[in-house]
Amino acid sequence: MSSMIQDITSQAPRNKHTKRKGRGESSGHGKTSGKGTKGAGARQGGPYWKRGHEGGQTSVFRRFPKRGFSNQNFEHRFYIVNLADLTSFADGATVDAAALIEAGLVPDTKQPVKILGNGEISKKLVVTAGWYSKSALEKITTAGGTAQNPKGEAFVFPKPKKKFVVRPKEKKAEAAAAAAPAAAAPAKPAATETAAAEKSEPKKE
């Protein structure tokens, strides 16, 4: 069966050369050298559009109304390491960020490490991390190890913050009762005030 020319060329790779823009008028692409007129597309290196850019128009994420609160910009981010991952370290070893990076459990030191309690551990390890879960801290200390913060001090959970205490209603009632007599004092009649003012004025001769 004879094959047609289009069947052959369709299987061949395309070897079309890309247009070399910006090589001057002698390149055969005219005054603007294939880059069109002025604008970002005519600049060196080609246009760079950041994510969400709409050609100068107000981006959609800026046009949408913002409601509520998001903790995304303020949340604490950690590299997560479980206790089961620490079983590869020798008994009595010091497990810090450098050791975790060498073991391939953490990529770098851009974020602190948080130890979670998934798994069991029976070795006495000196663990240095930014944060621990309650179960992880308990298992490390039960095994005879030490949990330290990045400063090398023993890790201790911070004290819980004091909640807002509502003032008792009795004090408010007493304050309102004390202010009531002053507000209910009778005012002087207007005639009495006028007579007192006439007495105080000096007589004109």
Protein backbone atom coordinates (compact mmCIF):
# COMPACT_ATOMS: atom_id res chain seq x y z
CA MET A 1 0.00 0.00 0.00
CA SER A 2 1.46 3.32 -1.05
CA SER A 3 1.46 6.10 1.53
CA MET A 4 0.64 9.69 0.83
CA ILE A 5 3.06 12.53 1.39
CA GLN A 6 0.94 13.99 4.20
CA ASP A 7 1.18 10.70 6.10
CA ILE A 8 4.95 10.85 5.97
CA THR A 9 5.36 14.49 6.95
CA SER A 10 2.87 14.19 9.81
CA GLN A 11 5.19 11.74 11.58
CA ALA A 12 8.31 13.81 11.06
CA PRO A 13 9.37 16.31 13.74
CA ARG A 14 8.89 19.98 13.02
CA ASN A 15 12.14 21.80 12.36
CA LYS A 16 10.80 25.30 11.95
CA HIS A 17 13.23 27.85 13.34
CA THR A 18 11.91 30.44 15.75
CA LYS A 19 11.85 34.04 14.55
CA ARG A 20 14.89 35.92 15.86
CA LYS A 21 13.38 39.22 16.93
CA GLY A 22 15.15 42.45 17.72
CA ARG A 23 18.03 42.06 15.22
CA GLY A 24 17.64 45.41 13.51
CA GLU A 25 16.14 46.47 10.21
CA SER A 26 18.61 44.40 8.22
CA SER A 27 17.10 41.20 9.63
CA GLY A 28 14.22 41.60 7.20
CA HIS A 29 11.55 42.10 9.83
CA GLY A 30 11.10 45.84 9.45
CA LYS A 31 11.68 48.80 11.72
CA THR A 32 10.39 47.19 14.90
CA SER A 33 12.08 43.85 14.12
CA GLY A 34 9.00 41.72 14.71
CA LYS A 35 8.26 43.16 18.16
CA GLY A 36 5.39 45.41 17.15
CA THR A 37 5.01 48.89 18.57
CA LYS A 38 5.77 50.21 22.04
CA GLY A 39 4.79 48.33 25.16
CA ALA A 40 5.84 45.52 27.45
CA GLY A 41 5.99 43.04 24.58
CA ALA A 42 8.60 45.13 22.78
CA ARG A 43 10.98 45.26 25.74
CA GLN A 44 14.12 43.24 26.12
CA GLY A 45 13.65 39.79 27.60
CA GLY A 46 10.02 39.55 26.56
CA PRO A 47 6.96 40.38 28.62
CA TYR A 48 6.78 39.17 32.18
CA TRP A 49 3.29 38.93 33.62
CA LYS A 50 2.95 38.36 37.30
CA ARG A 51 0.20 36.05 38.46
CA GLY A 52 -3.17 37.75 38.36
CA HIS A 53 -2.05 40.56 36.05
CA GLU A 54 -4.75 41.65 33.63
CA GLY A 55 -2.89 44.08 31.40
CA GLY A 56 -3.19 47.03 33.77
CA GLN A 57 -6.86 46.48 34.52
CA THR A 58 -7.74 46.09 38.19
CA SER A 59 -7.19 42.43 39.01
CA VAL A 60 -10.14 40.24 39.87
CA PHE A 61 -8.87 39.51 43.37
CA ARG A 62 -8.80 43.25 44.02
CA ARG A 63 -12.30 43.77 42.64
CA PHE A 64 -13.86 41.15 44.87
CA PRO A 65 -15.08 42.32 48.30
CA LYS A 66 -13.11 41.11 51.28
CA ARG A 67 -15.06 39.81 54.24
CA GLY A 68 -14.14 37.91 57.34
CA PHE A 69 -10.66 37.21 58.70
CA SER A 70 -7.97 34.87 57.47
CA ASN A 71 -5.02 33.80 59.57
CA GLN A 72 -2.99 32.77 56.54
CA ASN A 73 -0.61 35.73 56.72
CA PHE A 74 -0.05 35.34 60.45
CA GLU A 75 -0.07 31.59 61.01
CA HIS A 76 3.04 29.79 62.26
CA ARG A 77 4.48 27.46 59.64
CA PHE A 78 6.58 24.45 60.62
CA TYR A 79 8.34 21.51 59.05
CA ILE A 80 6.58 18.44 60.45
CA VAL A 81 8.61 15.51 61.81
CA ASN A 82 7.03 12.53 63.58
CA LEU A 83 8.57 10.50 66.38
CA ALA A 84 8.54 7.48 64.08
CA ASP A 85 11.05 9.29 61.87
CA LEU A 86 13.50 9.71 64.76
CA THR A 87 14.01 5.98 65.28
CA SER A 88 16.84 6.02 62.73
CA PHE A 89 19.03 8.09 65.07
CA ALA A 90 21.39 6.37 67.48
CA ASP A 91 20.71 6.25 71.20
CA GLY A 92 21.93 9.44 72.89
CA ALA A 93 22.20 11.40 69.64
CA THR A 94 21.41 15.09 69.33
CA VAL A 95 18.60 15.71 66.88
CA ASP A 96 18.57 19.30 65.66
CA ALA A 97 17.89 21.04 62.35
CA ALA A 98 21.30 20.12 60.92
CA ALA A 99 20.83 16.44 61.78
CA LEU A 100 17.33 16.42 60.31
CA ILE A 101 18.58 18.01 57.07
CA GLU A 102 21.38 15.44 56.82
CA ALA A 103 18.86 12.64 57.35
CA GLY A 104 16.59 14.07 54.64
CA LEU A 105 13.66 14.72 56.98
CA VAL A 106 13.77 18.51 56.57
CA PRO A 107 14.71 20.42 53.39
CA ASP A 108 16.31 23.52 54.94
CA THR A 109 16.24 25.90 57.90
CA LYS A 110 13.76 28.41 56.47
CA GLN A 111 11.05 27.21 58.87
CA PRO A 112 11.24 25.84 62.41
CA VAL A 113 10.59 22.17 63.11
CA LYS A 114 7.59 20.80 64.94
CA ILE A 115 7.73 17.31 66.45
CA LEU A 116 4.49 15.32 66.43
CA GLY A 117 3.72 12.26 68.51
CA ASN A 118 2.91 9.77 65.73
CA GLY A 119 4.84 6.61 66.49
CA GLU A 120 6.78 5.35 69.48
CA ILE A 121 10.35 6.00 70.59
CA SER A 122 12.50 4.11 73.06
CA LYS A 123 15.84 5.89 72.60
CA LYS A 124 17.20 8.69 74.74
CA LEU A 125 17.50 11.57 72.32
CA VAL A 126 18.29 15.24 72.81
CA VAL A 127 15.74 16.83 70.47
CA THR A 128 15.97 20.50 69.55
CA ALA A 129 12.93 21.89 67.76
CA GLY A 130 10.74 24.95 67.58
CA TRP A 131 7.59 23.28 68.89
CA TYR A 132 6.26 19.95 70.18
CA SER A 133 2.88 18.38 70.48
CA LYS A 134 1.87 17.35 73.99
CA SER A 135 2.04 13.66 73.13
CA ALA A 136 5.49 14.02 71.53
CA LEU A 137 6.87 15.89 74.53
CA GLU A 138 5.51 13.25 76.89
CA LYS A 139 6.93 10.33 74.88
CA ILE A 140 10.38 11.92 74.58
CA THR A 141 10.66 12.60 78.30
CA THR A 142 9.22 9.19 79.20
CA ALA A 143 11.93 7.51 77.13
CA GLY A 144 14.56 9.44 79.08
CA GLY A 145 15.30 12.00 76.40
CA THR A 146 15.31 15.78 76.48
CA ALA A 147 13.18 18.22 74.52
CA GLN A 148 14.79 21.60 73.96
CA ASN A 149 13.80 24.82 72.25
CA PRO A 150 16.06 26.47 69.61
CA LYS A 151 17.91 28.35 72.40
CA GLY A 152 18.98 25.07 74.00
CA GLU A 153 16.67 25.46 76.99
CA ALA A 154 14.16 22.90 78.20
CA PHE A 155 10.94 23.28 76.24
CA VAL A 156 7.96 24.46 78.28
CA PHE A 157 4.52 25.24 76.98
CA PRO A 158 3.56 28.89 77.56
CA LYS A 159 1.02 29.74 80.21
CA PRO A 160 -2.54 30.01 78.92
CA LYS A 161 -3.71 33.54 78.33
CA LYS A 162 -6.14 35.02 80.83
CA LYS A 163 -9.64 35.22 79.52
CA PHE A 164 -11.68 38.39 79.68
CA VAL A 165 -13.42 38.61 83.06
CA VAL A 166 -16.90 40.10 82.93
CA ARG A 167 -17.57 42.71 85.58
CA PRO A 168 -20.25 41.62 88.06
CA LYS A 169 -23.63 43.23 87.56
CA GLU A 170 -23.92 44.17 91.26
CA LYS A 171 -21.21 46.82 90.98
CA LYS A 172 -22.87 48.33 87.95
CA ALA A 173 -26.20 48.52 89.82
CA GLU A 174 -24.54 50.19 92.81
CA ALA A 175 -22.87 52.79 90.59
CA ALA A 176 -26.17 53.53 88.86
CA ALA A 177 -27.95 53.92 92.24
CA ALA A 178 -25.27 56.32 93.50
CA ALA A 179 -25.57 58.49 90.39
CA ALA A 180 -29.38 58.58 90.54
CA PRO A 181 -29.80 61.02 93.54
CA ALA A 182 -27.49 63.59 91.96
CA ALA A 183 -29.44 63.50 88.72
CA ALA A 184 -32.79 63.72 90.57
CA ALA A 185 -31.91 66.89 92.59
CA PRO A 186 -34.66 69.58 92.11
CA ALA A 187 -33.70 72.58 90.03
CA LYS A 188 -34.25 76.15 91.31
CA PRO A 189 -37.30 77.90 89.91
CA ALA A 190 -36.67 80.53 87.25
CA ALA A 191 -38.32 83.31 89.32
CA THR A 192 -35.96 82.76 92.25
CA GLU A 193 -32.92 82.91 89.93
CA THR A 194 -34.16 86.22 88.43
CA ALA A 195 -34.64 87.80 91.87
CA ALA A 196 -31.19 86.75 92.97
CA ALA A 197 -29.67 88.26 89.84
CA GLU A 198 -31.44 91.62 90.46
CA LYS A 199 -30.10 91.81 94.00
CA SER A 200 -26.56 91.17 92.88
CA GLU A 201 -26.63 93.96 90.25
CA PRO A 202 -25.61 97.46 91.50
CA LYS A 203 -28.24 100.16 91.43
CA LYS A 204 -27.91 102.79 88.71
CA GLU A 205 -28.15 106.43 89.92
